[in-house]
Amino acid sequence: MPFFHAFTGCDVVSAFRGKGKQSAWHTWDVFDEVSSTFSKLSQSPVTFDDRDLHILGNFVITMYDRSSAASSVNEARLDLFARKQRFYLSILPTQAYLKEHVRRAAYQAGMIWGQALEPQPDIQNPQE
């Protein structure tokens, strides 16, 4: 799946600190509801909504802490740092970062790789 590859880190999209493809793959095994979102964001044209962002946020929360009961990325971040006393560099990113990360990964997977076989691809400006 192109979006899974881009989302978990590739040559043009950053990776989650301390979390590689293998930990993301194992998380996908226990969090199967993210499959439809990965598939959707691998298509062109790329569109995602708050529901997709929420599902991807829950996926990232599960990747960093499988026992977390947090309902948002920022809540899980606070829980890992303040209550579980994890080192600052080993906690998940903020909600705002996650949204931009999803945009970059979706652009790479859907717009660039999704049209790789097209002779005249219709690629939007990355600023849009």
N, C-alpha and C. Protein backbone atom coordinates (compact mmCIF):
# COMPACT_ATOMS: atom_id res chain seq x y z
N MET A 1 0.84 -1.17 0.00
CA MET A 1 0.00 0.00 0.00
C MET A 1 0.89 1.24 0.00
N PRO A 2 0.73 2.07 -1.00
CA PRO A 2 1.59 3.26 -1.08
C PRO A 2 1.45 4.22 0.11
N PHE A 3 0.23 4.43 0.59
CA PHE A 3 0.08 5.38 1.69
C PHE A 3 0.74 4.85 2.96
N PHE A 4 0.60 3.57 3.24
CA PHE A 4 1.26 2.99 4.42
C PHE A 4 2.76 3.23 4.36
N HIS A 5 3.35 3.00 3.19
CA HIS A 5 4.79 3.20 3.03
C HIS A 5 5.17 4.67 3.26
N ALA A 6 4.42 5.59 2.66
CA ALA A 6 4.72 7.01 2.82
C ALA A 6 4.45 7.47 4.25
N PHE A 7 3.35 7.03 4.84
CA PHE A 7 2.95 7.46 6.18
C PHE A 7 3.96 7.03 7.24
N THR A 8 4.54 5.86 7.08
CA THR A 8 5.47 5.35 8.08
C THR A 8 6.91 5.76 7.81
N GLY A 9 7.11 6.58 6.78
CA GLY A 9 8.43 7.13 6.49
C GLY A 9 9.01 6.59 5.20
N CYS A 10 9.38 7.49 4.34
CA CYS A 10 10.02 7.12 3.08
C CYS A 10 11.04 8.20 2.74
N ASP A 11 11.55 8.19 1.54
CA ASP A 11 12.62 9.12 1.19
C ASP A 11 12.19 10.59 1.20
N VAL A 12 10.91 10.89 1.03
CA VAL A 12 10.47 12.29 1.00
C VAL A 12 9.49 12.65 2.12
N VAL A 13 9.10 11.69 2.93
CA VAL A 13 8.20 11.94 4.05
C VAL A 13 8.88 11.43 5.32
N SER A 14 8.87 12.25 6.36
CA SER A 14 9.55 11.87 7.61
C SER A 14 8.90 10.66 8.25
N ALA A 15 9.66 10.01 9.12
CA ALA A 15 9.18 8.85 9.86
C ALA A 15 8.85 9.26 11.29
N PHE A 16 8.14 8.40 11.99
CA PHE A 16 7.87 8.63 13.40
C PHE A 16 9.10 8.20 14.20
N ARG A 17 9.56 9.07 15.08
CA ARG A 17 10.79 8.80 15.82
C ARG A 17 10.68 7.52 16.64
N GLY A 18 11.62 6.61 16.40
CA GLY A 18 11.67 5.37 17.15
C GLY A 18 10.66 4.32 16.71
N LYS A 19 9.88 4.62 15.67
CA LYS A 19 8.88 3.68 15.18
C LYS A 19 9.12 3.44 13.70
N GLY A 20 9.51 2.25 13.38
CA GLY A 20 9.79 1.91 11.99
C GLY A 20 8.64 1.17 11.35
N LYS A 21 8.90 0.64 10.18
CA LYS A 21 7.88 -0.08 9.43
C LYS A 21 7.40 -1.32 10.17
N GLN A 22 8.30 -1.99 10.84
CA GLN A 22 7.92 -3.23 11.53
C GLN A 22 6.94 -2.96 12.67
N SER A 23 7.18 -1.95 13.48
CA SER A 23 6.24 -1.65 14.56
C SER A 23 4.92 -1.14 13.99
N ALA A 24 4.96 -0.40 12.89
CA ALA A 24 3.72 0.05 12.25
C ALA A 24 2.95 -1.14 11.68
N TRP A 25 3.67 -2.10 11.11
CA TRP A 25 3.02 -3.30 10.56
C TRP A 25 2.35 -4.10 11.66
N HIS A 26 3.03 -4.27 12.79
CA HIS A 26 2.44 -4.99 13.92
C HIS A 26 1.22 -4.25 14.49
N THR A 27 1.28 -2.93 14.48
CA THR A 27 0.12 -2.15 14.92
C THR A 27 -1.04 -2.34 13.97
N TRP A 28 -0.77 -2.40 12.69
CA TRP A 28 -1.81 -2.61 11.69
C TRP A 28 -2.50 -3.96 11.92
N ASP A 29 -1.75 -4.97 12.38
CA ASP A 29 -2.34 -6.28 12.68
C ASP A 29 -3.41 -6.20 13.75
N VAL A 30 -3.24 -5.32 14.74
CA VAL A 30 -4.21 -5.21 15.83
C VAL A 30 -5.20 -4.07 15.64
N PHE A 31 -4.97 -3.22 14.64
CA PHE A 31 -5.83 -2.06 14.39
C PHE A 31 -6.28 -2.09 12.93
N ASP A 32 -7.08 -3.09 12.60
CA ASP A 32 -7.46 -3.36 11.21
C ASP A 32 -8.36 -2.29 10.60
N GLU A 33 -9.05 -1.49 11.42
CA GLU A 33 -9.97 -0.49 10.87
C GLU A 33 -9.25 0.61 10.09
N VAL A 34 -7.93 0.69 10.19
CA VAL A 34 -7.18 1.70 9.45
C VAL A 34 -6.97 1.30 7.99
N SER A 35 -7.24 0.06 7.64
CA SER A 35 -7.00 -0.44 6.28
C SER A 35 -7.75 0.37 5.23
N SER A 36 -9.01 0.67 5.47
CA SER A 36 -9.79 1.43 4.48
C SER A 36 -9.23 2.85 4.32
N THR A 37 -8.72 3.43 5.38
CA THR A 37 -8.12 4.77 5.30
C THR A 37 -6.82 4.72 4.52
N PHE A 38 -6.00 3.71 4.76
CA PHE A 38 -4.77 3.55 3.98
C PHE A 38 -5.09 3.41 2.50
N SER A 39 -6.09 2.61 2.19
CA SER A 39 -6.48 2.40 0.80
C SER A 39 -7.01 3.69 0.17
N LYS A 40 -7.86 4.39 0.90
CA LYS A 40 -8.45 5.63 0.39
C LYS A 40 -7.37 6.67 0.08
N LEU A 41 -6.39 6.80 0.96
CA LEU A 41 -5.38 7.83 0.79
C LEU A 41 -4.27 7.42 -0.19
N SER A 42 -4.37 6.21 -0.73
CA SER A 42 -3.45 5.77 -1.77
C SER A 42 -3.98 6.12 -3.15
N GLN A 43 -5.22 6.60 -3.21
CA GLN A 43 -5.88 6.90 -4.49
C GLN A 43 -5.64 8.35 -4.90
N SER A 44 -5.90 8.60 -6.16
CA SER A 44 -5.82 9.96 -6.68
C SER A 44 -7.16 10.31 -7.29
N PRO A 45 -7.75 11.44 -7.05
CA PRO A 45 -7.25 12.56 -6.26
C PRO A 45 -7.34 12.28 -4.77
N VAL A 46 -6.49 12.93 -4.04
CA VAL A 46 -6.38 12.72 -2.60
C VAL A 46 -7.36 13.61 -1.86
N THR A 47 -8.21 12.99 -1.06
CA THR A 47 -9.10 13.73 -0.17
C THR A 47 -9.14 13.00 1.16
N PHE A 48 -9.09 13.75 2.24
CA PHE A 48 -9.26 13.14 3.56
C PHE A 48 -10.04 14.11 4.43
N ASP A 49 -10.75 13.52 5.39
CA ASP A 49 -11.59 14.34 6.26
C ASP A 49 -11.19 14.10 7.71
N ASP A 50 -11.95 14.69 8.63
CA ASP A 50 -11.65 14.57 10.06
C ASP A 50 -11.74 13.13 10.55
N ARG A 51 -12.65 12.35 9.96
CA ARG A 51 -12.77 10.95 10.36
C ARG A 51 -11.49 10.17 10.03
N ASP A 52 -10.94 10.41 8.83
CA ASP A 52 -9.69 9.76 8.44
C ASP A 52 -8.56 10.18 9.37
N LEU A 53 -8.50 11.45 9.68
CA LEU A 53 -7.47 11.96 10.58
C LEU A 53 -7.61 11.36 11.98
N HIS A 54 -8.85 11.19 12.44
CA HIS A 54 -9.09 10.57 13.74
C HIS A 54 -8.62 9.11 13.75
N ILE A 55 -8.93 8.37 12.70
CA ILE A 55 -8.51 6.97 12.61
C ILE A 55 -6.99 6.86 12.58
N LEU A 56 -6.35 7.72 11.78
CA LEU A 56 -4.89 7.70 11.73
C LEU A 56 -4.28 8.13 13.07
N GLY A 57 -4.93 9.06 13.75
CA GLY A 57 -4.47 9.44 15.09
C GLY A 57 -4.54 8.28 16.06
N ASN A 58 -5.63 7.53 16.01
CA ASN A 58 -5.76 6.34 16.87
C ASN A 58 -4.72 5.29 16.52
N PHE A 59 -4.40 5.17 15.23
CA PHE A 59 -3.36 4.24 14.80
C PHE A 59 -2.02 4.64 15.40
N VAL A 60 -1.69 5.91 15.35
CA VAL A 60 -0.42 6.40 15.90
C VAL A 60 -0.39 6.23 17.42
N ILE A 61 -1.51 6.51 18.07
CA ILE A 61 -1.58 6.30 19.53
C ILE A 61 -1.31 4.84 19.86
N THR A 62 -1.93 3.94 19.12
CA THR A 62 -1.73 2.51 19.36
C THR A 62 -0.29 2.10 19.07
N MET A 63 0.32 2.71 18.07
CA MET A 63 1.70 2.39 17.73
C MET A 63 2.65 2.77 18.86
N TYR A 64 2.38 3.88 19.54
CA TYR A 64 3.24 4.33 20.63
C TYR A 64 2.89 3.71 21.97
N ASP A 65 1.62 3.39 22.19
CA ASP A 65 1.20 2.85 23.49
C ASP A 65 -0.07 2.02 23.30
N ARG A 66 0.06 0.73 23.21
CA ARG A 66 -1.09 -0.15 22.94
C ARG A 66 -2.12 -0.15 24.06
N SER A 67 -1.73 0.23 25.25
CA SER A 67 -2.66 0.21 26.38
C SER A 67 -3.33 1.56 26.62
N SER A 68 -3.09 2.53 25.75
CA SER A 68 -3.62 3.87 25.95
C SER A 68 -5.13 3.91 25.76
N ALA A 69 -5.79 4.67 26.61
CA ALA A 69 -7.24 4.89 26.50
C ALA A 69 -7.53 6.30 26.00
N ALA A 70 -6.51 7.00 25.54
CA ALA A 70 -6.67 8.38 25.08
C ALA A 70 -7.53 8.44 23.84
N SER A 71 -8.30 9.52 23.72
CA SER A 71 -9.18 9.67 22.56
C SER A 71 -8.60 10.64 21.52
N SER A 72 -7.49 11.31 21.84
CA SER A 72 -6.86 12.21 20.88
C SER A 72 -5.34 12.09 21.00
N VAL A 73 -4.67 12.51 19.95
CA VAL A 73 -3.21 12.44 19.92
C VAL A 73 -2.61 13.32 21.01
N ASN A 74 -3.13 14.53 21.18
CA ASN A 74 -2.58 15.42 22.21
C ASN A 74 -2.79 14.88 23.62
N GLU A 75 -3.93 14.24 23.84
CA GLU A 75 -4.20 13.63 25.15
C GLU A 75 -3.23 12.47 25.41
N ALA A 76 -2.99 11.65 24.41
CA ALA A 76 -2.05 10.53 24.54
C ALA A 76 -0.64 11.05 24.77
N ARG A 77 -0.31 12.12 24.10
CA ARG A 77 1.01 12.74 24.25
C ARG A 77 1.23 13.20 25.69
N LEU A 78 0.22 13.88 26.25
CA LEU A 78 0.29 14.33 27.63
C LEU A 78 0.40 13.14 28.58
N ASP A 79 -0.38 12.12 28.33
CA ASP A 79 -0.38 10.93 29.17
C ASP A 79 1.00 10.26 29.18
N LEU A 80 1.60 10.11 28.00
CA LEU A 80 2.91 9.47 27.93
C LEU A 80 3.99 10.30 28.62
N PHE A 81 3.92 11.61 28.47
CA PHE A 81 4.95 12.46 29.04
C PHE A 81 4.76 12.69 30.54
N ALA A 82 3.57 13.09 30.94
CA ALA A 82 3.34 13.47 32.33
C ALA A 82 3.09 12.28 33.25
N ARG A 83 2.24 11.38 32.83
CA ARG A 83 1.86 10.28 33.74
C ARG A 83 2.80 9.09 33.64
N LYS A 84 3.20 8.74 32.43
CA LYS A 84 4.07 7.57 32.26
C LYS A 84 5.54 7.94 32.21
N GLN A 85 5.83 9.23 32.28
CA GLN A 85 7.18 9.79 32.36
C GLN A 85 8.12 9.27 31.28
N ARG A 86 7.61 9.24 30.06
CA ARG A 86 8.47 8.87 28.93
C ARG A 86 9.29 10.08 28.53
N PHE A 87 10.47 9.81 28.02
CA PHE A 87 11.37 10.87 27.56
C PHE A 87 10.68 11.64 26.44
N TYR A 88 10.86 12.97 26.42
CA TYR A 88 10.16 13.85 25.48
C TYR A 88 10.34 13.42 24.02
N LEU A 89 11.53 12.98 23.64
CA LEU A 89 11.79 12.60 22.25
C LEU A 89 11.19 11.25 21.87
N SER A 90 10.65 10.52 22.84
CA SER A 90 10.08 9.20 22.53
C SER A 90 8.55 9.20 22.58
N ILE A 91 7.93 10.37 22.61
CA ILE A 91 6.47 10.43 22.60
C ILE A 91 5.98 10.81 21.21
N LEU A 92 4.73 10.54 20.96
CA LEU A 92 4.17 10.79 19.64
C LEU A 92 4.05 12.28 19.34
N PRO A 93 3.93 12.63 18.06
CA PRO A 93 3.85 14.04 17.66
C PRO A 93 2.50 14.66 18.01
N THR A 94 2.40 15.97 17.86
CA THR A 94 1.16 16.68 18.15
C THR A 94 0.12 16.44 17.06
N GLN A 95 -1.11 16.81 17.35
CA GLN A 95 -2.21 16.68 16.38
C GLN A 95 -1.93 17.54 15.14
N ALA A 96 -1.42 18.75 15.33
CA ALA A 96 -1.12 19.63 14.20
C ALA A 96 -0.04 19.03 13.31
N TYR A 97 0.98 18.44 13.93
CA TYR A 97 2.04 17.78 13.15
C TYR A 97 1.46 16.60 12.38
N LEU A 98 0.62 15.82 13.05
CA LEU A 98 0.04 14.64 12.40
C LEU A 98 -0.76 15.03 11.16
N LYS A 99 -1.52 16.11 11.25
CA LYS A 99 -2.32 16.56 10.10
C LYS A 99 -1.42 16.90 8.92
N GLU A 100 -0.34 17.64 9.16
CA GLU A 100 0.58 17.98 8.08
C GLU A 100 1.31 16.74 7.57
N HIS A 101 1.63 15.82 8.45
CA HIS A 101 2.28 14.57 8.06
C HIS A 101 1.36 13.77 7.13
N VAL A 102 0.09 13.70 7.46
CA VAL A 102 -0.89 13.00 6.61
C VAL A 102 -0.98 13.68 5.25
N ARG A 103 -0.98 14.99 5.23
CA ARG A 103 -1.02 15.72 3.95
C ARG A 103 0.19 15.38 3.07
N ARG A 104 1.38 15.39 3.67
CA ARG A 104 2.58 15.07 2.90
C ARG A 104 2.55 13.64 2.38
N ALA A 105 2.17 12.70 3.25
CA ALA A 105 2.15 11.29 2.86
C ALA A 105 1.08 11.04 1.79
N ALA A 106 -0.08 11.67 1.93
CA ALA A 106 -1.15 11.49 0.94
C ALA A 106 -0.76 12.10 -0.40
N TYR A 107 -0.10 13.23 -0.38
CA TYR A 107 0.36 13.84 -1.63
C TYR A 107 1.35 12.91 -2.33
N GLN A 108 2.31 12.38 -1.56
CA GLN A 108 3.31 11.49 -2.15
C GLN A 108 2.68 10.21 -2.67
N ALA A 109 1.84 9.58 -1.87
CA ALA A 109 1.26 8.29 -2.25
C ALA A 109 0.20 8.43 -3.34
N GLY A 110 -0.71 9.38 -3.17
CA GLY A 110 -1.82 9.50 -4.11
C GLY A 110 -1.49 10.27 -5.36
N MET A 111 -0.88 11.43 -5.20
CA MET A 111 -0.63 12.30 -6.36
C MET A 111 0.61 11.87 -7.15
N ILE A 112 1.68 11.54 -6.47
CA ILE A 112 2.93 11.22 -7.17
C ILE A 112 2.97 9.74 -7.57
N TRP A 113 2.94 8.84 -6.57
CA TRP A 113 3.02 7.41 -6.89
C TRP A 113 1.74 6.90 -7.55
N GLY A 114 0.59 7.49 -7.20
CA GLY A 114 -0.68 7.04 -7.77
C GLY A 114 -0.80 7.30 -9.26
N GLN A 115 -0.01 8.24 -9.76
CA GLN A 115 -0.03 8.56 -11.19
C GLN A 115 1.30 8.24 -11.87
N ALA A 116 2.07 7.37 -11.26
CA ALA A 116 3.41 7.06 -11.77
C ALA A 116 3.38 6.46 -13.17
N LEU A 117 2.33 5.76 -13.52
CA LEU A 117 2.26 5.11 -14.83
C LEU A 117 1.53 5.94 -15.88
N GLU A 118 1.06 7.12 -15.50
CA GLU A 118 0.37 8.00 -16.43
C GLU A 118 1.40 8.73 -17.31
N PRO A 119 1.17 8.78 -18.63
CA PRO A 119 2.13 9.49 -19.49
C PRO A 119 2.13 11.01 -19.26
N GLN A 120 0.98 11.59 -18.93
CA GLN A 120 0.87 13.02 -18.64
C GLN A 120 0.14 13.18 -17.31
N PRO A 121 0.83 12.98 -16.17
CA PRO A 121 0.15 13.06 -14.88
C PRO A 121 -0.33 14.47 -14.58
N ASP A 122 -1.47 14.53 -13.90
CA ASP A 122 -2.05 15.80 -13.48
C ASP A 122 -1.70 16.00 -12.01
N ILE A 123 -0.56 16.62 -11.76
CA ILE A 123 -0.05 16.77 -10.40
C ILE A 123 -0.33 18.18 -9.91
N GLN A 124 -1.02 18.26 -8.77
CA GLN A 124 -1.33 19.55 -8.17
C GLN A 124 -0.08 20.16 -7.55
N ASN A 125 -0.15 21.45 -7.34
CA ASN A 125 0.90 22.15 -6.66
C ASN A 125 0.92 21.70 -5.20
N PRO A 126 2.07 21.34 -4.62
CA PRO A 126 2.12 20.89 -3.23
C PRO A 126 1.58 21.89 -2.23
N GLN A 127 1.60 23.18 -2.56
CA GLN A 127 1.10 24.19 -1.64
C GLN A 127 -0.41 24.14 -1.51
N GLU A 128 -1.08 23.51 -2.46
CA GLU A 128 -2.54 23.38 -2.38
C GLU A 128 -2.88 22.19 -1.55
